[in-house]
Amino acid sequence: MMIAKIGYCYAMAEYGDDYFDATDIRALLMGTRDDVYNFVGNAENPERLSTWHLRGLYFRRRAEWLTVLVHLFASCHSQQGTNICNPYEVVVGRAL
């Protein structure tokens, strides 16, 4: 739920509610739905994201859906130089 809240808050802060329909994720965050895994999961395709900051937030369009990639601990790396924390993808709503 924390990842869903981060994605939703970022989308609202950047776009507001005129850019996408957030009815479903709002229901999830208010507790009237309990299917969090329909909204939060691994990114569909592995992507090389910025590792300069502790976290990263990125928008993606997936057909009619607006999603947010939430990359926590983006600057953490293994000894081999690979990122050890993969981003999550949050479906925040249908783009309008």
N, C-alpha and C. Protein backbone atom coordinates (compact mmCIF):
# COMPACT_ATOMS: atom_id res chain seq x y z
N MET A 1 0.82 -1.19 0.00
CA MET A 1 0.00 0.00 0.00
C MET A 1 0.87 1.26 0.00
N MET A 2 2.01 1.21 0.66
CA MET A 2 2.87 2.38 0.68
C MET A 2 3.32 2.75 -0.73
N ILE A 3 3.67 1.75 -1.54
CA ILE A 3 4.11 2.01 -2.91
C ILE A 3 2.96 2.62 -3.71
N ALA A 4 1.74 2.11 -3.53
CA ALA A 4 0.56 2.66 -4.22
C ALA A 4 0.35 4.12 -3.82
N LYS A 5 0.51 4.43 -2.55
CA LYS A 5 0.33 5.80 -2.08
C LYS A 5 1.38 6.73 -2.67
N ILE A 6 2.61 6.26 -2.75
CA ILE A 6 3.68 7.08 -3.33
C ILE A 6 3.37 7.39 -4.79
N GLY A 7 3.00 6.36 -5.56
CA GLY A 7 2.68 6.56 -6.97
C GLY A 7 1.50 7.50 -7.17
N TYR A 8 0.45 7.30 -6.40
CA TYR A 8 -0.75 8.14 -6.50
C TYR A 8 -0.42 9.59 -6.14
N CYS A 9 0.26 9.80 -5.04
CA CYS A 9 0.59 11.17 -4.60
C CYS A 9 1.47 11.89 -5.62
N TYR A 10 2.42 11.17 -6.20
CA TYR A 10 3.29 11.78 -7.20
C TYR A 10 2.47 12.19 -8.43
N ALA A 11 1.59 11.31 -8.89
CA ALA A 11 0.76 11.61 -10.06
C ALA A 11 -0.15 12.80 -9.79
N MET A 12 -0.75 12.84 -8.62
CA MET A 12 -1.62 13.97 -8.29
C MET A 12 -0.84 15.27 -8.19
N ALA A 13 0.35 15.21 -7.61
CA ALA A 13 1.16 16.41 -7.48
C ALA A 13 1.61 16.95 -8.84
N GLU A 14 1.93 16.05 -9.76
CA GLU A 14 2.43 16.47 -11.07
C GLU A 14 1.32 16.83 -12.05
N TYR A 15 0.23 16.07 -12.05
CA TYR A 15 -0.82 16.24 -13.06
C TYR A 15 -2.15 16.73 -12.52
N GLY A 16 -2.45 16.46 -11.26
CA GLY A 16 -3.78 16.77 -10.74
C GLY A 16 -4.80 15.77 -11.26
N ASP A 17 -6.05 15.98 -10.91
CA ASP A 17 -7.06 15.00 -11.29
C ASP A 17 -7.71 15.27 -12.63
N ASP A 18 -7.21 16.23 -13.40
CA ASP A 18 -7.75 16.48 -14.74
C ASP A 18 -7.08 15.64 -15.82
N TYR A 19 -5.96 15.00 -15.49
CA TYR A 19 -5.19 14.27 -16.49
C TYR A 19 -5.49 12.77 -16.51
N PHE A 20 -5.98 12.23 -15.40
CA PHE A 20 -6.26 10.80 -15.33
C PHE A 20 -7.40 10.53 -14.36
N ASP A 21 -8.09 9.41 -14.56
CA ASP A 21 -9.20 9.01 -13.69
C ASP A 21 -8.65 8.12 -12.59
N ALA A 22 -8.62 8.63 -11.37
CA ALA A 22 -8.03 7.93 -10.24
C ALA A 22 -9.07 7.28 -9.33
N THR A 23 -10.28 7.09 -9.84
CA THR A 23 -11.36 6.54 -9.02
C THR A 23 -11.00 5.20 -8.39
N ASP A 24 -10.45 4.30 -9.19
CA ASP A 24 -10.14 2.95 -8.69
C ASP A 24 -9.03 2.94 -7.64
N ILE A 25 -7.95 3.66 -7.90
CA ILE A 25 -6.85 3.64 -6.92
C ILE A 25 -7.25 4.39 -5.66
N ARG A 26 -8.10 5.41 -5.78
CA ARG A 26 -8.60 6.07 -4.57
C ARG A 26 -9.41 5.12 -3.71
N ALA A 27 -10.21 4.28 -4.35
CA ALA A 27 -10.99 3.28 -3.60
C ALA A 27 -10.07 2.32 -2.88
N LEU A 28 -8.98 1.94 -3.53
CA LEU A 28 -7.99 1.06 -2.90
C LEU A 28 -7.37 1.74 -1.68
N LEU A 29 -6.96 2.99 -1.84
CA LEU A 29 -6.29 3.71 -0.76
C LEU A 29 -7.23 4.03 0.40
N MET A 30 -8.52 4.13 0.12
CA MET A 30 -9.49 4.39 1.19
C MET A 30 -9.99 3.11 1.85
N GLY A 31 -9.58 1.96 1.32
CA GLY A 31 -9.93 0.70 1.95
C GLY A 31 -11.21 0.05 1.48
N THR A 32 -11.84 0.58 0.45
CA THR A 32 -13.06 -0.05 -0.06
C THR A 32 -12.76 -1.12 -1.11
N ARG A 33 -11.51 -1.26 -1.47
CA ARG A 33 -11.02 -2.35 -2.33
C ARG A 33 -9.85 -2.99 -1.61
N ASP A 34 -9.58 -4.24 -1.94
CA ASP A 34 -8.42 -4.91 -1.31
C ASP A 34 -7.58 -5.67 -2.32
N ASP A 35 -7.60 -5.24 -3.58
CA ASP A 35 -6.85 -5.92 -4.63
C ASP A 35 -5.60 -5.12 -5.02
N VAL A 36 -4.74 -4.90 -4.05
CA VAL A 36 -3.56 -4.06 -4.26
C VAL A 36 -2.68 -4.57 -5.40
N TYR A 37 -2.67 -5.87 -5.64
CA TYR A 37 -1.79 -6.41 -6.68
C TYR A 37 -2.32 -6.16 -8.09
N ASN A 38 -3.52 -5.63 -8.22
CA ASN A 38 -4.00 -5.15 -9.52
C ASN A 38 -3.44 -3.77 -9.82
N PHE A 39 -2.85 -3.13 -8.84
CA PHE A 39 -2.33 -1.78 -9.00
C PHE A 39 -0.81 -1.70 -8.87
N VAL A 40 -0.20 -2.56 -8.08
CA VAL A 40 1.23 -2.48 -7.79
C VAL A 40 1.90 -3.80 -8.17
N GLY A 41 3.01 -3.69 -8.88
CA GLY A 41 3.78 -4.88 -9.24
C GLY A 41 5.14 -4.49 -9.78
N ASN A 42 5.83 -5.46 -10.33
CA ASN A 42 7.12 -5.19 -10.97
C ASN A 42 6.89 -4.45 -12.27
N ALA A 43 7.90 -3.73 -12.71
CA ALA A 43 7.81 -3.05 -14.00
C ALA A 43 7.70 -4.10 -15.10
N GLU A 44 6.90 -3.80 -16.12
CA GLU A 44 6.65 -4.74 -17.21
C GLU A 44 7.95 -5.11 -17.94
N ASN A 45 8.74 -4.10 -18.26
CA ASN A 45 10.02 -4.32 -18.94
C ASN A 45 11.14 -3.76 -18.07
N PRO A 46 12.22 -4.51 -17.94
CA PRO A 46 13.36 -3.96 -17.19
C PRO A 46 13.86 -2.69 -17.86
N GLU A 47 14.07 -1.66 -17.08
CA GLU A 47 14.53 -0.39 -17.63
C GLU A 47 15.75 0.08 -16.85
N ARG A 48 16.64 0.74 -17.54
CA ARG A 48 17.79 1.34 -16.87
C ARG A 48 17.38 2.74 -16.45
N LEU A 49 17.25 2.93 -15.16
CA LEU A 49 16.81 4.21 -14.61
C LEU A 49 17.97 4.93 -13.94
N SER A 50 17.77 6.17 -13.64
CA SER A 50 18.81 6.97 -12.99
C SER A 50 19.19 6.37 -11.63
N THR A 51 20.47 6.42 -11.34
CA THR A 51 20.95 5.93 -10.04
C THR A 51 21.63 7.05 -9.26
N TRP A 52 21.34 8.28 -9.61
CA TRP A 52 21.99 9.40 -8.93
C TRP A 52 21.35 9.75 -7.61
N HIS A 53 20.12 9.37 -7.44
CA HIS A 53 19.37 9.78 -6.24
C HIS A 53 18.95 8.55 -5.44
N LEU A 54 18.55 8.80 -4.22
CA LEU A 54 18.09 7.72 -3.37
C LEU A 54 16.83 7.08 -3.90
N ARG A 55 15.98 7.86 -4.55
CA ARG A 55 14.75 7.32 -5.13
C ARG A 55 14.50 7.99 -6.48
N GLY A 56 13.65 7.35 -7.28
CA GLY A 56 13.27 7.90 -8.58
C GLY A 56 11.80 7.64 -8.84
N LEU A 57 11.13 8.60 -9.46
CA LEU A 57 9.72 8.47 -9.83
C LEU A 57 9.59 8.85 -11.30
N TYR A 58 8.97 8.01 -12.10
CA TYR A 58 8.90 8.20 -13.54
C TYR A 58 7.50 7.83 -14.03
N PHE A 59 6.96 8.59 -14.97
CA PHE A 59 5.67 8.28 -15.58
C PHE A 59 5.84 7.38 -16.79
N ARG A 60 4.84 6.53 -17.03
CA ARG A 60 4.78 5.70 -18.23
C ARG A 60 3.32 5.66 -18.68
N ARG A 61 3.12 5.60 -19.99
CA ARG A 61 1.78 5.34 -20.54
C ARG A 61 1.77 3.91 -21.04
N ARG A 62 0.81 3.14 -20.58
CA ARG A 62 0.61 1.75 -21.00
C ARG A 62 -0.77 1.68 -21.62
N ALA A 63 -0.84 1.86 -22.94
CA ALA A 63 -2.11 1.96 -23.66
C ALA A 63 -2.91 3.10 -23.03
N GLU A 64 -4.10 2.82 -22.47
CA GLU A 64 -4.90 3.91 -21.89
C GLU A 64 -4.56 4.17 -20.43
N TRP A 65 -3.62 3.45 -19.87
CA TRP A 65 -3.30 3.55 -18.44
C TRP A 65 -2.11 4.47 -18.21
N LEU A 66 -2.19 5.25 -17.15
CA LEU A 66 -1.05 6.03 -16.67
C LEU A 66 -0.45 5.27 -15.50
N THR A 67 0.85 5.03 -15.56
CA THR A 67 1.53 4.34 -14.48
C THR A 67 2.68 5.19 -13.97
N VAL A 68 3.12 4.88 -12.76
CA VAL A 68 4.28 5.54 -12.17
C VAL A 68 5.26 4.45 -11.75
N LEU A 69 6.51 4.58 -12.19
CA LEU A 69 7.57 3.71 -11.72
C LEU A 69 8.10 4.31 -10.42
N VAL A 70 8.10 3.53 -9.38
CA VAL A 70 8.58 3.94 -8.07
C VAL A 70 9.86 3.16 -7.80
N HIS A 71 10.98 3.85 -7.85
CA HIS A 71 12.29 3.20 -7.69
C HIS A 71 12.89 3.65 -6.36
N LEU A 72 12.71 2.82 -5.34
CA LEU A 72 13.25 3.12 -4.02
C LEU A 72 14.70 2.65 -3.93
N PHE A 73 15.51 3.35 -3.20
CA PHE A 73 16.93 3.03 -3.02
C PHE A 73 17.62 2.85 -4.36
N ALA A 74 17.37 3.77 -5.28
CA ALA A 74 17.89 3.68 -6.64
C ALA A 74 19.41 3.73 -6.69
N SER A 75 20.02 4.35 -5.70
CA SER A 75 21.48 4.49 -5.72
C SER A 75 22.20 3.33 -5.06
N CYS A 76 21.48 2.33 -4.58
CA CYS A 76 22.12 1.17 -3.94
C CYS A 76 22.54 0.15 -5.01
N HIS A 77 23.79 -0.28 -4.94
CA HIS A 77 24.33 -1.22 -5.93
C HIS A 77 25.03 -2.38 -5.25
N SER A 78 25.08 -3.49 -5.95
CA SER A 78 25.85 -4.64 -5.48
C SER A 78 27.33 -4.40 -5.79
N GLN A 79 28.16 -5.31 -5.37
CA GLN A 79 29.59 -5.18 -5.65
C GLN A 79 29.88 -5.31 -7.14
N GLN A 80 28.98 -5.95 -7.89
CA GLN A 80 29.16 -6.08 -9.34
C GLN A 80 28.67 -4.84 -10.09
N GLY A 81 28.11 -3.87 -9.38
CA GLY A 81 27.66 -2.64 -9.99
C GLY A 81 26.22 -2.67 -10.48
N THR A 82 25.51 -3.76 -10.25
CA THR A 82 24.12 -3.81 -10.66
C THR A 82 23.22 -3.28 -9.55
N ASN A 83 22.10 -2.73 -9.95
CA ASN A 83 21.16 -2.19 -8.98
C ASN A 83 20.49 -3.34 -8.26
N ILE A 84 20.43 -3.28 -6.94
CA ILE A 84 19.85 -4.38 -6.17
C ILE A 84 18.38 -4.15 -5.83
N CYS A 85 17.86 -2.97 -6.13
CA CYS A 85 16.46 -2.66 -5.85
C CYS A 85 15.75 -2.31 -7.16
N ASN A 86 14.90 -3.20 -7.63
CA ASN A 86 14.17 -2.97 -8.87
C ASN A 86 12.97 -2.06 -8.63
N PRO A 87 12.57 -1.29 -9.66
CA PRO A 87 11.42 -0.41 -9.48
C PRO A 87 10.10 -1.17 -9.47
N TYR A 88 9.13 -0.61 -8.79
CA TYR A 88 7.75 -1.10 -8.82
C TYR A 88 6.98 -0.22 -9.82
N GLU A 89 5.93 -0.78 -10.39
CA GLU A 89 5.08 0.00 -11.27
C GLU A 89 3.69 0.08 -10.65
N VAL A 90 3.16 1.30 -10.57
CA VAL A 90 1.86 1.55 -9.97
C VAL A 90 0.91 2.07 -11.04
N VAL A 91 -0.21 1.40 -11.22
CA VAL A 91 -1.25 1.87 -12.13
C VAL A 91 -2.07 2.90 -11.36
N VAL A 92 -1.99 4.17 -11.78
CA VAL A 92 -2.69 5.20 -11.04
C VAL A 92 -4.06 5.53 -11.64
N GLY A 93 -4.30 5.15 -12.89
CA GLY A 93 -5.62 5.36 -13.48
C GLY A 93 -5.59 5.43 -14.98
N ARG A 94 -6.77 5.58 -15.56
CA ARG A 94 -6.89 5.75 -17.00
C ARG A 94 -6.55 7.19 -17.36
N ALA A 95 -5.67 7.35 -18.33
CA ALA A 95 -5.35 8.69 -18.80
C ALA A 95 -6.56 9.27 -19.51
N LEU A 96 -6.81 10.54 -19.31
CA LEU A 96 -7.96 11.20 -19.94
C LEU A 96 -7.55 11.93 -21.19
